[in-house]
N, C-alpha and C. Protein backbone atom coordinates (compact mmCIF):
# COMPACT_ATOMS: atom_id res chain seq x y z
N UNK A 1 -1.94 74.94 -28.87
CA UNK A 1 -1.35 73.75 -28.31
C UNK A 1 -2.12 73.35 -27.05
N UNK A 2 -2.66 72.13 -27.06
CA UNK A 2 -3.46 71.63 -25.93
C UNK A 2 -2.54 71.06 -24.86
N UNK A 3 -2.73 71.51 -23.65
CA UNK A 3 -1.95 71.03 -22.52
C UNK A 3 -2.81 70.10 -21.68
N UNK A 4 -2.27 68.94 -21.37
CA UNK A 4 -3.01 67.98 -20.55
C UNK A 4 -3.00 68.47 -19.11
N UNK A 5 -4.15 68.91 -18.61
CA UNK A 5 -4.26 69.42 -17.26
C UNK A 5 -4.84 68.37 -16.32
N UNK A 6 -4.94 67.14 -16.78
CA UNK A 6 -5.52 66.09 -15.94
C UNK A 6 -4.52 65.66 -14.88
N UNK A 7 -5.06 65.37 -13.72
CA UNK A 7 -4.25 64.90 -12.61
C UNK A 7 -4.94 63.69 -11.99
N UNK A 8 -4.15 62.87 -11.31
CA UNK A 8 -4.67 61.67 -10.68
C UNK A 8 -5.08 61.98 -9.24
N UNK A 9 -6.25 61.49 -8.88
CA UNK A 9 -6.78 61.64 -7.52
C UNK A 9 -7.11 60.26 -6.99
N UNK A 10 -7.29 60.17 -5.69
CA UNK A 10 -7.57 58.90 -5.04
C UNK A 10 -9.00 58.91 -4.51
N UNK A 11 -9.76 57.87 -4.85
CA UNK A 11 -11.13 57.71 -4.36
C UNK A 11 -11.19 56.60 -3.33
N UNK A 12 -12.05 56.78 -2.35
CA UNK A 12 -12.33 55.73 -1.38
C UNK A 12 -13.65 55.08 -1.78
N UNK A 13 -13.65 53.76 -1.93
CA UNK A 13 -14.82 53.04 -2.43
C UNK A 13 -15.45 52.20 -1.33
N UNK A 14 -16.67 51.77 -1.58
CA UNK A 14 -17.34 50.83 -0.68
C UNK A 14 -16.61 49.50 -0.73
N UNK A 15 -16.73 48.72 0.32
CA UNK A 15 -16.03 47.44 0.42
C UNK A 15 -16.32 46.51 -0.75
N UNK A 16 -15.28 46.04 -1.40
CA UNK A 16 -15.32 45.10 -2.53
C UNK A 16 -16.15 45.62 -3.72
N UNK A 17 -16.25 46.93 -3.85
CA UNK A 17 -17.00 47.51 -4.97
C UNK A 17 -16.10 48.36 -5.87
N UNK A 18 -14.80 48.07 -5.88
CA UNK A 18 -13.88 48.82 -6.74
C UNK A 18 -14.23 48.62 -8.21
N UNK A 19 -14.54 47.39 -8.60
CA UNK A 19 -14.87 47.10 -9.99
C UNK A 19 -16.16 47.79 -10.40
N UNK A 20 -17.13 47.80 -9.53
CA UNK A 20 -18.40 48.48 -9.82
C UNK A 20 -18.16 49.98 -10.02
N UNK A 21 -17.36 50.59 -9.14
CA UNK A 21 -17.05 52.01 -9.25
C UNK A 21 -16.27 52.29 -10.53
N UNK A 22 -15.30 51.42 -10.85
CA UNK A 22 -14.51 51.59 -12.08
C UNK A 22 -15.40 51.55 -13.31
N UNK A 23 -16.31 50.59 -13.37
CA UNK A 23 -17.23 50.47 -14.51
C UNK A 23 -18.11 51.70 -14.64
N UNK A 24 -18.68 52.16 -13.54
CA UNK A 24 -19.56 53.33 -13.58
C UNK A 24 -18.80 54.61 -13.93
N UNK A 25 -17.56 54.73 -13.46
CA UNK A 25 -16.75 55.91 -13.81
C UNK A 25 -16.37 55.89 -15.29
N UNK A 26 -16.02 54.71 -15.80
CA UNK A 26 -15.67 54.62 -17.23
C UNK A 26 -16.89 54.90 -18.11
N UNK A 27 -18.10 54.56 -17.64
CA UNK A 27 -19.32 54.91 -18.38
C UNK A 27 -19.51 56.42 -18.45
N UNK A 28 -18.93 57.14 -17.49
CA UNK A 28 -18.99 58.60 -17.49
C UNK A 28 -17.82 59.21 -18.27
N UNK A 29 -16.93 58.39 -18.81
CA UNK A 29 -15.79 58.87 -19.57
C UNK A 29 -14.60 59.26 -18.71
N UNK A 30 -14.53 58.74 -17.50
CA UNK A 30 -13.45 59.08 -16.57
C UNK A 30 -12.46 57.92 -16.52
N UNK A 31 -11.20 58.24 -16.75
CA UNK A 31 -10.14 57.22 -16.72
C UNK A 31 -9.88 56.85 -15.27
N UNK A 32 -10.00 55.56 -14.95
CA UNK A 32 -9.79 55.10 -13.57
C UNK A 32 -9.00 53.80 -13.59
N UNK A 33 -8.43 53.47 -12.43
CA UNK A 33 -7.52 52.33 -12.37
C UNK A 33 -7.38 51.84 -10.93
N UNK A 34 -7.34 50.51 -10.75
CA UNK A 34 -6.92 49.93 -9.48
C UNK A 34 -6.08 48.70 -9.79
N UNK A 35 -4.90 48.60 -9.19
CA UNK A 35 -4.00 47.48 -9.49
C UNK A 35 -4.45 46.20 -8.79
N UNK A 36 -4.28 45.09 -9.50
CA UNK A 36 -4.60 43.78 -8.95
C UNK A 36 -3.43 42.83 -9.15
N UNK A 37 -3.49 41.71 -8.48
CA UNK A 37 -2.51 40.64 -8.70
C UNK A 37 -3.19 39.30 -8.47
N UNK A 38 -2.66 38.27 -9.10
CA UNK A 38 -3.21 36.93 -8.93
C UNK A 38 -2.48 36.23 -7.79
N UNK A 39 -3.27 35.57 -6.95
CA UNK A 39 -2.67 34.75 -5.90
C UNK A 39 -3.32 33.37 -5.95
N UNK A 40 -2.55 32.38 -5.51
CA UNK A 40 -3.07 31.02 -5.44
C UNK A 40 -3.60 30.78 -4.04
N UNK A 41 -4.80 30.22 -3.97
CA UNK A 41 -5.41 29.88 -2.69
C UNK A 41 -5.91 28.45 -2.75
N UNK A 42 -5.84 27.79 -1.62
CA UNK A 42 -6.37 26.45 -1.54
C UNK A 42 -7.79 26.55 -0.99
N UNK A 43 -8.77 26.21 -1.82
CA UNK A 43 -10.17 26.25 -1.43
C UNK A 43 -10.74 24.84 -1.59
N UNK A 44 -11.20 24.27 -0.48
CA UNK A 44 -11.73 22.90 -0.47
C UNK A 44 -10.75 21.91 -1.10
N UNK A 45 -9.49 22.00 -0.70
CA UNK A 45 -8.40 21.14 -1.18
C UNK A 45 -8.13 21.27 -2.67
N UNK A 46 -8.58 22.36 -3.29
CA UNK A 46 -8.26 22.63 -4.69
C UNK A 46 -7.49 23.93 -4.78
N UNK A 47 -6.43 23.94 -5.59
CA UNK A 47 -5.63 25.14 -5.78
C UNK A 47 -6.29 26.00 -6.85
N UNK A 48 -6.66 27.23 -6.51
CA UNK A 48 -7.32 28.13 -7.46
C UNK A 48 -6.58 29.45 -7.51
N UNK A 49 -6.64 30.11 -8.66
CA UNK A 49 -6.06 31.44 -8.82
C UNK A 49 -7.16 32.47 -8.68
N UNK A 50 -6.85 33.55 -7.99
CA UNK A 50 -7.85 34.58 -7.76
C UNK A 50 -7.20 35.95 -7.91
N UNK A 51 -7.91 36.88 -8.58
CA UNK A 51 -7.45 38.26 -8.67
C UNK A 51 -7.76 38.96 -7.36
N UNK A 52 -6.76 39.61 -6.80
CA UNK A 52 -6.92 40.33 -5.54
C UNK A 52 -6.50 41.77 -5.76
N UNK A 53 -7.29 42.70 -5.22
CA UNK A 53 -6.98 44.12 -5.32
C UNK A 53 -5.82 44.42 -4.38
N UNK A 54 -4.80 45.11 -4.89
CA UNK A 54 -3.62 45.41 -4.07
C UNK A 54 -3.94 46.44 -2.99
N UNK A 55 -4.71 47.47 -3.36
CA UNK A 55 -5.13 48.49 -2.39
C UNK A 55 -6.65 48.40 -2.23
N UNK A 56 -7.14 47.53 -1.33
CA UNK A 56 -8.59 47.37 -1.19
C UNK A 56 -9.28 48.69 -0.85
N UNK A 57 -10.43 48.91 -1.48
CA UNK A 57 -11.29 50.08 -1.26
C UNK A 57 -10.76 51.38 -1.86
N UNK A 58 -9.67 51.33 -2.64
CA UNK A 58 -9.14 52.56 -3.23
C UNK A 58 -9.10 52.45 -4.74
N UNK A 59 -9.29 53.58 -5.41
CA UNK A 59 -9.35 53.65 -6.86
C UNK A 59 -8.70 54.95 -7.31
N UNK A 60 -7.86 54.88 -8.33
CA UNK A 60 -7.22 56.07 -8.88
C UNK A 60 -8.08 56.60 -10.03
N UNK A 61 -8.31 57.91 -10.08
CA UNK A 61 -9.06 58.52 -11.19
C UNK A 61 -8.25 59.69 -11.74
N UNK A 62 -8.28 59.83 -13.08
CA UNK A 62 -7.58 60.93 -13.74
C UNK A 62 -8.62 61.91 -14.25
N UNK A 63 -8.60 63.12 -13.69
CA UNK A 63 -9.59 64.14 -14.07
C UNK A 63 -8.93 65.51 -14.16
N UNK A 64 -9.59 66.39 -14.89
CA UNK A 64 -9.19 67.79 -14.98
C UNK A 64 -9.99 68.53 -13.91
N UNK A 65 -9.31 69.09 -12.94
CA UNK A 65 -10.01 69.71 -11.81
C UNK A 65 -10.85 70.91 -12.22
N UNK A 66 -10.54 71.53 -13.37
CA UNK A 66 -11.30 72.70 -13.81
C UNK A 66 -12.62 72.33 -14.46
N UNK A 67 -12.67 71.18 -15.14
CA UNK A 67 -13.88 70.80 -15.88
C UNK A 67 -14.63 69.64 -15.27
N UNK A 68 -14.03 68.90 -14.35
CA UNK A 68 -14.67 67.71 -13.78
C UNK A 68 -15.77 68.08 -12.80
N UNK A 69 -16.79 67.26 -12.77
CA UNK A 69 -17.88 67.44 -11.82
C UNK A 69 -17.61 66.51 -10.62
N UNK A 70 -17.01 67.08 -9.58
CA UNK A 70 -16.62 66.30 -8.41
C UNK A 70 -17.83 65.69 -7.71
N UNK A 71 -18.96 66.39 -7.70
CA UNK A 71 -20.17 65.85 -7.07
C UNK A 71 -20.66 64.61 -7.81
N UNK A 72 -20.59 64.63 -9.13
CA UNK A 72 -21.01 63.49 -9.93
C UNK A 72 -20.12 62.28 -9.65
N UNK A 73 -18.82 62.52 -9.55
CA UNK A 73 -17.88 61.43 -9.28
C UNK A 73 -18.13 60.87 -7.87
N UNK A 74 -18.33 61.75 -6.91
CA UNK A 74 -18.57 61.34 -5.53
C UNK A 74 -19.84 60.53 -5.38
N UNK A 75 -20.85 60.83 -6.21
CA UNK A 75 -22.13 60.12 -6.08
C UNK A 75 -22.23 58.91 -7.01
N UNK A 76 -21.13 58.54 -7.64
CA UNK A 76 -21.10 57.34 -8.49
C UNK A 76 -21.28 56.10 -7.62
N UNK A 77 -22.03 55.12 -8.13
CA UNK A 77 -22.25 53.87 -7.39
C UNK A 77 -20.92 53.19 -7.08
N UNK A 78 -20.75 52.81 -5.85
CA UNK A 78 -19.52 52.14 -5.42
C UNK A 78 -18.52 53.09 -4.78
N UNK A 79 -18.66 54.40 -5.02
CA UNK A 79 -17.72 55.39 -4.50
C UNK A 79 -18.27 55.98 -3.21
N UNK A 80 -17.41 56.15 -2.22
CA UNK A 80 -17.81 56.84 -0.99
C UNK A 80 -17.44 58.32 -1.10
N UNK A 81 -16.15 58.61 -1.35
CA UNK A 81 -15.71 60.00 -1.44
C UNK A 81 -14.26 60.03 -1.91
N UNK A 82 -13.80 61.22 -2.22
CA UNK A 82 -12.39 61.43 -2.51
C UNK A 82 -11.60 61.33 -1.21
N UNK A 83 -10.35 60.92 -1.31
CA UNK A 83 -9.47 60.95 -0.14
C UNK A 83 -9.01 62.40 0.00
N UNK A 84 -9.18 62.96 1.20
CA UNK A 84 -8.89 64.38 1.42
C UNK A 84 -7.96 64.56 2.61
N UNK A 85 -7.29 65.68 2.59
CA UNK A 85 -6.52 66.14 3.73
C UNK A 85 -7.14 67.48 4.09
N UNK A 86 -7.98 67.47 5.11
CA UNK A 86 -8.75 68.67 5.42
C UNK A 86 -9.81 68.84 4.35
N UNK A 87 -9.79 69.99 3.67
CA UNK A 87 -10.76 70.25 2.61
C UNK A 87 -10.17 70.05 1.22
N UNK A 88 -8.87 69.76 1.12
CA UNK A 88 -8.24 69.61 -0.20
C UNK A 88 -8.15 68.14 -0.59
N UNK A 89 -8.42 67.89 -1.86
CA UNK A 89 -8.35 66.53 -2.40
C UNK A 89 -6.89 66.14 -2.59
N UNK A 90 -6.58 64.91 -2.24
CA UNK A 90 -5.21 64.41 -2.35
C UNK A 90 -4.93 64.06 -3.82
N UNK A 91 -3.83 64.64 -4.36
CA UNK A 91 -3.39 64.32 -5.71
C UNK A 91 -2.34 63.22 -5.62
N UNK A 92 -2.40 62.31 -6.57
CA UNK A 92 -1.44 61.21 -6.63
C UNK A 92 -0.47 61.53 -7.76
N UNK A 93 0.84 61.41 -7.53
CA UNK A 93 1.80 61.69 -8.61
C UNK A 93 1.55 60.78 -9.81
N UNK A 94 1.53 61.38 -11.00
CA UNK A 94 1.24 60.60 -12.21
C UNK A 94 2.31 59.53 -12.44
N UNK A 95 3.54 59.79 -12.02
CA UNK A 95 4.61 58.80 -12.16
C UNK A 95 4.32 57.53 -11.38
N UNK A 96 3.72 57.68 -10.21
CA UNK A 96 3.37 56.53 -9.39
C UNK A 96 2.31 55.67 -10.07
N UNK A 97 1.27 56.32 -10.61
CA UNK A 97 0.20 55.57 -11.29
C UNK A 97 0.74 54.90 -12.54
N UNK A 98 1.59 55.62 -13.29
CA UNK A 98 2.20 55.04 -14.50
C UNK A 98 3.02 53.82 -14.14
N UNK A 99 3.80 53.91 -13.07
CA UNK A 99 4.62 52.78 -12.64
C UNK A 99 3.75 51.60 -12.21
N UNK A 100 2.65 51.87 -11.50
CA UNK A 100 1.74 50.80 -11.11
C UNK A 100 1.13 50.13 -12.33
N UNK A 101 0.76 50.93 -13.35
CA UNK A 101 0.18 50.36 -14.58
C UNK A 101 1.19 49.50 -15.32
N UNK A 102 2.45 49.96 -15.38
CA UNK A 102 3.50 49.20 -16.06
C UNK A 102 3.74 47.88 -15.35
N UNK A 103 3.83 47.94 -14.02
CA UNK A 103 4.05 46.71 -13.25
C UNK A 103 2.87 45.75 -13.39
N UNK A 104 1.66 46.29 -13.44
CA UNK A 104 0.47 45.46 -13.65
C UNK A 104 0.55 44.75 -15.00
N UNK A 105 0.93 45.50 -16.05
CA UNK A 105 1.04 44.91 -17.39
C UNK A 105 2.13 43.84 -17.43
N UNK A 106 3.25 44.08 -16.77
CA UNK A 106 4.34 43.10 -16.72
C UNK A 106 3.89 41.83 -15.98
N UNK A 107 3.18 42.02 -14.87
CA UNK A 107 2.69 40.88 -14.11
C UNK A 107 1.72 40.05 -14.93
N UNK A 108 0.80 40.73 -15.62
CA UNK A 108 -0.18 40.03 -16.44
C UNK A 108 0.50 39.28 -17.57
N UNK A 109 1.50 39.91 -18.18
CA UNK A 109 2.24 39.28 -19.29
C UNK A 109 3.02 38.07 -18.78
N UNK A 110 3.65 38.20 -17.62
CA UNK A 110 4.44 37.09 -17.06
C UNK A 110 3.55 35.91 -16.70
N UNK A 111 2.34 36.18 -16.20
CA UNK A 111 1.44 35.09 -15.82
C UNK A 111 0.95 34.33 -17.04
N UNK A 112 0.84 35.01 -18.18
CA UNK A 112 0.39 34.35 -19.40
C UNK A 112 1.51 33.54 -20.05
N UNK A 113 2.76 33.83 -19.69
CA UNK A 113 3.90 33.18 -20.34
C UNK A 113 4.60 32.20 -19.39
N UNK A 114 3.84 31.57 -18.50
CA UNK A 114 4.42 30.64 -17.54
C UNK A 114 4.83 29.36 -18.26
N UNK A 115 6.07 28.94 -18.00
CA UNK A 115 6.58 27.71 -18.57
C UNK A 115 6.39 26.61 -17.53
N UNK A 116 5.81 25.50 -17.95
CA UNK A 116 5.58 24.39 -17.03
C UNK A 116 6.76 23.42 -17.11
N UNK A 117 7.35 23.17 -15.96
CA UNK A 117 8.45 22.21 -15.87
C UNK A 117 7.93 20.93 -15.23
N UNK A 118 8.58 19.83 -15.55
CA UNK A 118 8.21 18.54 -14.97
C UNK A 118 9.11 18.24 -13.78
N UNK A 119 8.57 17.55 -12.78
CA UNK A 119 9.37 17.19 -11.62
C UNK A 119 10.55 16.33 -12.04
N UNK A 120 11.73 16.69 -11.58
CA UNK A 120 12.95 15.97 -11.92
C UNK A 120 13.66 16.49 -13.16
N UNK A 121 13.09 17.48 -13.83
CA UNK A 121 13.69 18.04 -15.05
C UNK A 121 14.90 18.91 -14.69
N UNK A 122 15.95 18.81 -15.48
CA UNK A 122 17.14 19.64 -15.27
C UNK A 122 16.90 21.04 -15.80
N UNK A 123 17.24 22.02 -14.97
CA UNK A 123 17.10 23.42 -15.37
C UNK A 123 18.41 24.14 -15.05
N UNK A 124 18.58 25.29 -15.70
CA UNK A 124 19.75 26.13 -15.43
C UNK A 124 19.25 27.48 -14.95
N UNK A 125 19.85 27.98 -13.89
CA UNK A 125 19.47 29.29 -13.35
C UNK A 125 20.09 30.36 -14.25
N UNK A 126 19.24 31.26 -14.76
CA UNK A 126 19.66 32.24 -15.76
C UNK A 126 20.06 33.59 -15.17
N UNK A 127 19.65 33.87 -13.93
CA UNK A 127 19.88 35.20 -13.38
C UNK A 127 20.03 35.10 -11.87
N UNK A 128 20.53 36.13 -11.26
CA UNK A 128 20.67 36.18 -9.81
C UNK A 128 22.01 35.65 -9.35
N UNK A 129 22.17 35.47 -8.06
CA UNK A 129 23.47 35.07 -7.51
C UNK A 129 23.89 33.64 -7.89
N UNK A 130 22.92 32.80 -8.30
CA UNK A 130 23.24 31.42 -8.68
C UNK A 130 23.25 31.22 -10.19
N UNK A 131 23.47 32.29 -10.94
CA UNK A 131 23.46 32.24 -12.40
C UNK A 131 24.46 31.19 -12.91
N UNK A 132 23.96 30.36 -13.85
CA UNK A 132 24.80 29.34 -14.47
C UNK A 132 24.81 28.00 -13.75
N UNK A 133 24.22 27.92 -12.58
CA UNK A 133 24.21 26.67 -11.82
C UNK A 133 23.07 25.78 -12.31
N UNK A 134 23.38 24.50 -12.46
CA UNK A 134 22.38 23.52 -12.87
C UNK A 134 21.62 23.04 -11.64
N UNK A 135 20.31 22.85 -11.80
CA UNK A 135 19.46 22.43 -10.69
C UNK A 135 18.42 21.45 -11.20
N UNK A 136 17.70 20.84 -10.28
CA UNK A 136 16.64 19.90 -10.62
C UNK A 136 15.32 20.48 -10.12
N UNK A 137 14.36 20.61 -11.03
CA UNK A 137 13.05 21.17 -10.69
C UNK A 137 12.29 20.21 -9.79
N UNK A 138 11.72 20.72 -8.68
CA UNK A 138 10.95 19.90 -7.76
C UNK A 138 9.44 20.16 -7.89
N UNK A 139 9.03 21.41 -7.66
CA UNK A 139 7.62 21.76 -7.73
C UNK A 139 7.49 23.27 -7.78
N UNK A 140 6.26 23.74 -8.06
CA UNK A 140 6.08 25.19 -8.07
C UNK A 140 5.80 25.67 -6.66
N UNK A 141 6.18 26.91 -6.43
CA UNK A 141 6.04 27.53 -5.11
C UNK A 141 5.27 28.84 -5.31
N UNK A 142 3.96 28.72 -5.51
CA UNK A 142 3.15 29.89 -5.83
C UNK A 142 3.12 30.12 -7.32
N UNK A 143 2.71 31.32 -7.74
CA UNK A 143 2.59 31.63 -9.16
C UNK A 143 3.91 32.01 -9.80
N UNK A 144 4.81 32.61 -9.04
CA UNK A 144 6.00 33.19 -9.64
C UNK A 144 7.30 32.52 -9.24
N UNK A 145 7.25 31.47 -8.42
CA UNK A 145 8.48 30.86 -7.94
C UNK A 145 8.40 29.34 -8.07
N UNK A 146 9.57 28.70 -8.04
CA UNK A 146 9.67 27.24 -8.10
C UNK A 146 10.69 26.76 -7.08
N UNK A 147 10.49 25.53 -6.61
CA UNK A 147 11.43 24.91 -5.68
C UNK A 147 12.39 24.06 -6.50
N UNK A 148 13.70 24.29 -6.31
CA UNK A 148 14.74 23.56 -7.05
C UNK A 148 15.67 22.86 -6.08
N UNK A 149 16.25 21.75 -6.54
CA UNK A 149 17.33 21.08 -5.80
C UNK A 149 18.65 21.55 -6.41
N UNK A 150 19.51 22.08 -5.57
CA UNK A 150 20.80 22.60 -6.05
C UNK A 150 21.91 21.90 -5.27
N UNK A 151 22.96 21.48 -5.98
CA UNK A 151 24.11 20.85 -5.35
C UNK A 151 25.18 21.92 -5.16
N UNK A 152 25.35 22.36 -3.91
CA UNK A 152 26.34 23.38 -3.57
C UNK A 152 27.36 22.79 -2.60
N UNK A 153 28.60 22.77 -3.00
CA UNK A 153 29.71 22.29 -2.17
C UNK A 153 29.38 20.91 -1.58
N UNK A 154 29.01 19.99 -2.46
CA UNK A 154 28.70 18.60 -2.12
C UNK A 154 27.57 18.49 -1.09
N UNK A 155 26.67 19.43 -1.12
CA UNK A 155 25.54 19.42 -0.21
C UNK A 155 24.29 19.77 -1.03
N UNK A 156 23.30 18.87 -1.08
CA UNK A 156 22.08 19.11 -1.84
C UNK A 156 21.14 19.98 -1.00
N UNK A 157 20.70 21.09 -1.60
CA UNK A 157 19.86 22.06 -0.90
C UNK A 157 18.63 22.37 -1.73
N UNK A 158 17.48 22.52 -1.07
CA UNK A 158 16.29 22.98 -1.78
C UNK A 158 16.23 24.50 -1.66
N UNK A 159 15.79 25.12 -2.76
CA UNK A 159 15.77 26.57 -2.80
C UNK A 159 14.60 27.04 -3.64
N UNK A 160 13.95 28.13 -3.24
CA UNK A 160 12.86 28.71 -4.01
C UNK A 160 13.43 29.83 -4.88
N UNK A 161 13.21 29.71 -6.21
CA UNK A 161 13.76 30.67 -7.18
C UNK A 161 12.63 31.18 -8.05
N UNK A 162 12.72 32.43 -8.48
CA UNK A 162 11.71 33.02 -9.37
C UNK A 162 11.71 32.27 -10.70
N UNK A 163 10.52 32.01 -11.25
CA UNK A 163 10.40 31.29 -12.51
C UNK A 163 11.11 32.01 -13.65
N UNK A 164 11.16 33.33 -13.60
CA UNK A 164 11.82 34.09 -14.65
C UNK A 164 13.31 33.87 -14.68
N UNK A 165 13.87 33.34 -13.57
CA UNK A 165 15.32 33.16 -13.48
C UNK A 165 15.78 31.76 -13.89
N UNK A 166 14.85 30.87 -14.26
CA UNK A 166 15.26 29.52 -14.64
C UNK A 166 14.87 29.21 -16.07
N UNK A 167 15.62 28.27 -16.67
CA UNK A 167 15.37 27.85 -18.04
C UNK A 167 15.66 26.36 -18.14
N UNK A 168 14.86 25.65 -18.91
CA UNK A 168 15.06 24.22 -19.08
C UNK A 168 16.40 23.95 -19.73
N UNK A 169 17.10 22.94 -19.26
CA UNK A 169 18.41 22.60 -19.81
C UNK A 169 18.27 22.12 -21.26
N UNK A 170 17.14 21.50 -21.59
CA UNK A 170 16.93 21.00 -22.96
C UNK A 170 16.78 22.14 -23.97
N UNK A 171 16.42 23.35 -23.49
CA UNK A 171 16.24 24.50 -24.38
C UNK A 171 17.55 25.24 -24.61
N UNK A 172 18.62 24.88 -23.88
CA UNK A 172 19.89 25.61 -24.00
C UNK A 172 20.64 25.24 -25.26
């Protein structure tokens, strides 16, 4: 019976070279990962989406400490060294890396499934404290949120709500 003895370690990379290090490590057959997220930025008055590394200069690698060549990993292009505490390499809990990978996959899936609403369209809030309340879509507020007009106690209020929590009234 084969037991998986691989553990996750943290590497410190050269500035903005996480992708280069990841590519070179995968060419060596080493499983590596760094979480990213998309953010909207205004560049020259144009709104653009850009992938940004959540932990700049850091990369997670899964290796078997008994068989891995630490010197080879350390001398990989883009890598500076392992993160250490004294002389011991810092191990990252596998549950943490798994959770980061799951959240990354969910974020990527949610970004691909964005529903576009038109200004003035009636929507219904599907989740959260305002569940069931009808609102009017105003505009998007970043990648994951939208600005809605809500009538609460005879007072019209603008509110930013997560896109996952709203649904078009015409689809109900």
